[in-house]
N, C-alpha and C. Protein backbone atom coordinates (compact mmCIF):
# COMPACT_ATOMS: atom_id res chain seq x y z
N MET A 1 -40.48 25.91 -14.83
CA MET A 1 -39.19 25.25 -14.77
C MET A 1 -38.40 25.95 -16.07
N ASN A 2 -36.86 26.32 -15.72
CA ASN A 2 -36.07 26.51 -16.55
C ASN A 2 -35.13 25.81 -17.25
N ASP A 3 -35.56 25.24 -18.22
CA ASP A 3 -34.88 24.37 -19.23
C ASP A 3 -33.36 24.77 -19.81
N SER A 4 -33.11 25.83 -19.83
CA SER A 4 -31.76 26.25 -19.81
C SER A 4 -30.58 25.61 -19.48
N LEU A 5 -29.07 25.48 -19.94
CA LEU A 5 -28.28 24.43 -19.93
C LEU A 5 -27.25 25.65 -19.68
N ARG A 6 -25.90 25.20 -18.65
CA ARG A 6 -24.69 25.91 -18.58
C ARG A 6 -23.82 24.91 -19.97
N ILE A 7 -23.44 26.06 -20.34
CA ILE A 7 -22.84 25.81 -21.91
C ILE A 7 -21.23 25.93 -21.52
N CYS A 8 -20.34 25.39 -21.78
CA CYS A 8 -18.63 25.69 -21.81
C CYS A 8 -18.44 25.22 -23.20
N VAL A 9 -17.82 26.44 -23.75
CA VAL A 9 -17.55 26.74 -25.09
C VAL A 9 -16.16 26.42 -25.54
N ILE A 10 -15.43 25.71 -26.65
CA ILE A 10 -14.59 25.30 -26.74
C ILE A 10 -14.22 25.52 -27.92
N SER A 11 -13.56 26.22 -28.70
CA SER A 11 -13.22 26.87 -30.06
C SER A 11 -11.82 27.60 -30.17
N SER A 12 -11.48 27.54 -31.06
CA SER A 12 -9.99 28.13 -31.71
C SER A 12 -9.80 29.46 -31.95
N GLY A 13 -11.36 30.36 -31.94
CA GLY A 13 -10.97 32.03 -32.37
C GLY A 13 -12.11 32.59 -32.19
N PRO A 14 -12.14 33.98 -32.00
CA PRO A 14 -13.38 34.82 -31.74
C PRO A 14 -14.44 34.95 -32.74
N ASP A 15 -14.06 34.59 -33.96
CA ASP A 15 -15.06 34.27 -34.76
C ASP A 15 -16.04 32.93 -34.37
N GLU A 16 -15.55 31.84 -34.56
CA GLU A 16 -16.41 31.06 -33.70
C GLU A 16 -16.59 30.82 -32.30
N PHE A 17 -15.88 31.59 -32.00
CA PHE A 17 -16.57 31.27 -30.76
C PHE A 17 -18.03 32.40 -30.42
N ALA A 18 -17.84 33.82 -31.54
CA ALA A 18 -19.07 34.45 -30.94
C ALA A 18 -20.36 33.87 -31.71
N THR A 19 -19.88 33.20 -32.57
CA THR A 19 -21.03 32.15 -33.52
C THR A 19 -21.84 31.22 -32.33
N ILE A 20 -21.11 30.86 -31.37
CA ILE A 20 -20.84 29.71 -30.77
C ILE A 20 -22.02 30.12 -29.68
N HIS A 21 -21.17 31.34 -29.36
CA HIS A 21 -22.01 32.01 -28.15
C HIS A 21 -23.21 32.41 -28.57
N ALA A 22 -23.74 33.01 -29.41
CA ALA A 22 -24.92 33.77 -30.14
C ALA A 22 -25.57 32.60 -30.24
N ALA A 23 -25.46 31.54 -31.02
CA ALA A 23 -26.32 30.76 -30.88
C ALA A 23 -26.67 29.84 -29.47
N CYS A 24 -26.00 29.58 -28.59
CA CYS A 24 -26.62 29.21 -27.34
C CYS A 24 -27.20 30.12 -26.52
N ALA A 25 -26.76 31.61 -26.44
CA ALA A 25 -27.88 32.32 -26.00
C ALA A 25 -29.11 32.92 -26.83
N ASP A 26 -29.13 32.51 -27.86
CA ASP A 26 -30.16 32.56 -28.81
C ASP A 26 -31.10 31.57 -28.26
N SER A 27 -30.62 30.42 -28.15
CA SER A 27 -31.51 29.14 -27.68
C SER A 27 -32.06 29.36 -26.31
N GLY A 28 -31.57 29.89 -25.35
CA GLY A 28 -31.89 30.11 -24.08
C GLY A 28 -30.97 29.47 -23.40
N HIS A 29 -29.66 29.17 -23.53
CA HIS A 29 -28.81 28.51 -22.78
C HIS A 29 -27.70 29.48 -22.21
N ARG A 30 -27.19 29.27 -21.41
CA ARG A 30 -26.23 30.06 -20.56
C ARG A 30 -24.87 29.57 -20.60
N PRO A 31 -24.07 30.36 -21.59
CA PRO A 31 -22.65 30.08 -21.94
C PRO A 31 -21.84 30.78 -20.60
N VAL A 32 -21.09 29.48 -19.83
CA VAL A 32 -20.18 29.88 -18.73
C VAL A 32 -19.08 30.47 -18.61
N ALA A 33 -18.33 29.70 -19.34
CA ALA A 33 -16.88 29.41 -19.74
C ALA A 33 -16.25 29.15 -21.18
N TYR A 34 -15.39 29.93 -21.31
CA TYR A 34 -14.83 30.08 -22.83
C TYR A 34 -13.39 29.23 -22.57
N PHE A 35 -13.32 27.98 -23.56
CA PHE A 35 -11.95 27.81 -23.36
C PHE A 35 -11.23 28.07 -25.01
N TYR A 36 -9.90 28.46 -24.75
CA TYR A 36 -9.28 28.50 -26.26
C TYR A 36 -8.20 27.44 -26.65
N GLY A 37 -8.24 26.41 -27.18
CA GLY A 37 -7.51 26.00 -27.54
C GLY A 37 -6.04 26.55 -28.57
N ARG A 38 -5.26 26.93 -27.83
CA ARG A 38 -3.83 27.47 -28.20
C ARG A 38 -2.78 26.51 -29.29
N SER A 39 -3.33 25.04 -29.31
CA SER A 39 -2.78 24.35 -29.90
C SER A 39 -3.49 23.46 -30.70
N LEU A 40 -3.03 22.66 -31.92
CA LEU A 40 -3.95 21.74 -33.03
C LEU A 40 -3.62 20.50 -31.90
N ARG A 41 -2.93 20.45 -31.05
CA ARG A 41 -2.78 19.17 -30.51
C ARG A 41 -2.41 19.00 -29.11
N SER A 42 -2.56 18.24 -28.25
CA SER A 42 -2.43 17.93 -27.04
C SER A 42 -1.18 17.92 -26.66
N ASP A 43 -0.54 19.09 -25.84
CA ASP A 43 0.68 18.73 -25.61
C ASP A 43 1.62 19.51 -26.89
N GLY A 44 1.01 20.15 -28.05
CA GLY A 44 1.79 20.46 -28.82
C GLY A 44 2.25 22.23 -28.50
N PRO A 45 3.36 22.40 -29.32
CA PRO A 45 3.45 23.74 -29.08
C PRO A 45 2.75 24.78 -29.67
N ASN A 46 2.53 26.17 -28.72
CA ASN A 46 1.45 27.02 -29.26
C ASN A 46 1.70 27.53 -30.74
N LEU A 47 0.26 27.82 -31.34
CA LEU A 47 0.68 28.48 -32.91
C LEU A 47 1.33 29.65 -32.50
N ASP A 48 1.78 29.74 -33.92
CA ASP A 48 2.82 31.23 -33.80
C ASP A 48 2.11 32.30 -33.58
N ASP A 49 0.66 32.23 -33.88
CA ASP A 49 -0.22 33.49 -33.50
C ASP A 49 -1.09 33.27 -32.38
N ALA A 50 -0.63 32.41 -31.28
CA ALA A 50 -1.12 32.49 -30.27
C ALA A 50 -1.50 33.56 -29.21
N GLY A 51 -0.74 34.84 -29.64
CA GLY A 51 -0.66 35.59 -28.51
C GLY A 51 -1.92 36.62 -28.88
N GLU A 52 -1.73 36.97 -30.21
CA GLU A 52 -2.41 37.94 -30.80
C GLU A 52 -3.84 37.37 -30.99
N MET A 53 -4.40 36.06 -31.12
CA MET A 53 -5.34 35.61 -31.23
C MET A 53 -5.86 35.24 -29.57
N THR A 54 -5.16 35.32 -28.36
CA THR A 54 -5.60 35.19 -27.41
C THR A 54 -5.96 36.77 -27.07
N ALA A 55 -5.33 37.91 -27.42
CA ALA A 55 -5.55 39.41 -27.42
C ALA A 55 -7.02 39.58 -28.25
N SER A 56 -7.04 39.04 -28.73
CA SER A 56 -8.58 39.32 -29.83
C SER A 56 -9.67 38.44 -29.28
N ILE A 57 -9.25 37.10 -28.67
CA ILE A 57 -10.47 36.29 -27.96
C ILE A 57 -11.01 37.43 -26.97
N LEU A 58 -9.82 38.19 -26.01
CA LEU A 58 -10.40 38.57 -24.70
C LEU A 58 -10.87 39.64 -25.00
N ASN A 59 -11.06 40.61 -26.36
CA ASN A 59 -12.29 41.57 -26.75
C ASN A 59 -13.47 40.96 -26.94
N ALA A 60 -13.51 39.40 -27.53
CA ALA A 60 -14.83 39.07 -27.85
C ALA A 60 -15.46 38.33 -26.53
N VAL A 61 -15.04 37.91 -25.74
CA VAL A 61 -15.33 37.26 -24.43
C VAL A 61 -16.55 38.64 -23.86
N PRO A 62 -17.54 38.42 -23.22
CA PRO A 62 -18.39 38.95 -22.61
C PRO A 62 -17.95 39.09 -21.13
N ARG A 63 -18.74 40.07 -20.49
CA ARG A 63 -18.18 40.14 -19.32
C ARG A 63 -18.50 39.35 -18.19
N GLY A 64 -17.87 38.70 -17.30
CA GLY A 64 -18.31 37.82 -16.29
C GLY A 64 -18.47 36.15 -16.77
N MET A 65 -17.79 36.26 -17.84
CA MET A 65 -17.26 34.81 -18.65
C MET A 65 -15.82 34.63 -18.18
N ASP A 66 -15.57 33.26 -17.77
CA ASP A 66 -14.26 32.96 -17.77
C ASP A 66 -13.62 32.55 -18.97
N LEU A 67 -12.08 32.82 -19.34
CA LEU A 67 -11.54 32.31 -20.56
C LEU A 67 -10.40 31.63 -19.54
N LEU A 68 -10.17 30.41 -20.38
CA LEU A 68 -8.90 29.28 -19.97
C LEU A 68 -8.61 29.03 -20.90
N LEU A 69 -7.23 29.11 -20.78
CA LEU A 69 -6.54 28.38 -21.89
C LEU A 69 -5.70 27.19 -21.15
N PRO A 70 -6.47 25.85 -21.18
CA PRO A 70 -5.69 24.46 -21.08
C PRO A 70 -4.36 24.21 -21.52
N GLY A 71 -3.40 23.63 -21.35
CA GLY A 71 -2.33 23.56 -21.78
C GLY A 71 -2.05 22.09 -22.66
N ASN A 72 -2.99 21.28 -21.74
CA ASN A 72 -3.15 19.80 -22.17
C ASN A 72 -4.52 19.54 -22.02
N ILE A 73 -4.54 17.97 -22.76
CA ILE A 73 -6.16 17.59 -22.80
C ILE A 73 -6.90 16.88 -21.70
N GLU A 74 -5.37 17.18 -20.70
CA GLU A 74 -6.00 16.67 -18.89
C GLU A 74 -6.33 17.88 -18.21
N GLY A 75 -5.68 19.17 -18.45
CA GLY A 75 -6.24 20.27 -17.87
C GLY A 75 -7.53 20.36 -18.86
N LEU A 76 -8.04 20.49 -19.84
CA LEU A 76 -9.26 20.96 -19.89
C LEU A 76 -10.28 19.74 -19.77
N ALA A 77 -9.98 18.59 -19.65
CA ALA A 77 -11.06 17.48 -18.74
C ALA A 77 -11.24 18.22 -16.99
N LEU A 78 -10.25 18.22 -16.61
CA LEU A 78 -10.46 18.49 -15.19
C LEU A 78 -10.93 19.78 -14.92
N THR A 79 -10.74 21.15 -15.68
CA THR A 79 -11.62 21.91 -15.62
C THR A 79 -12.85 22.43 -16.18
N LEU A 80 -13.03 21.58 -17.14
CA LEU A 80 -14.69 21.66 -17.96
C LEU A 80 -15.64 20.80 -16.61
N SER A 81 -14.89 19.77 -16.04
CA SER A 81 -15.94 19.25 -14.96
C SER A 81 -16.16 20.10 -13.84
N LEU A 82 -15.41 21.02 -13.57
CA LEU A 82 -15.55 21.90 -12.60
C LEU A 82 -16.42 23.03 -12.93
N PHE A 83 -16.74 23.21 -13.89
CA PHE A 83 -17.89 23.97 -14.09
C PHE A 83 -19.35 23.43 -14.48
N HIS A 84 -19.00 22.36 -14.05
CA HIS A 84 -20.84 21.67 -14.31
C HIS A 84 -21.35 21.42 -15.31
N PRO A 85 -20.68 21.60 -16.96
CA PRO A 85 -21.60 22.34 -18.05
C PRO A 85 -22.89 20.85 -18.25
N ALA A 86 -23.48 21.45 -18.60
CA ALA A 86 -24.77 20.83 -19.18
C ALA A 86 -25.78 20.36 -18.05
N SER A 87 -25.51 20.99 -16.81
CA SER A 87 -26.88 21.22 -15.39
C SER A 87 -27.64 22.11 -15.97
N ARG A 88 -28.47 21.91 -14.92
CA ARG A 88 -29.82 22.85 -15.15
C ARG A 88 -29.38 24.57 -14.47
N SER A 89 -29.83 25.41 -15.03
CA SER A 89 -29.19 26.55 -14.62
C SER A 89 -30.51 27.29 -13.62
């Protein structure tokens, strides 16, 4: 039986993403999507460096992994549910 989980990673930058992604993979889990929160608050304005940060994150995301940029908490919740995180691989 395979005990690995499908993981959706939510973080605010490429360094955090890389650390979380490596920890998941090292533990035998499969990251399937990366969510970048462009704002510190739901429906808040984008951070000033959101464009540069998104470009650097694109370079950090492994091939085959989805990168999502939800605009609000409702969009995040809906999209997360579609990935079925925590289900067994």
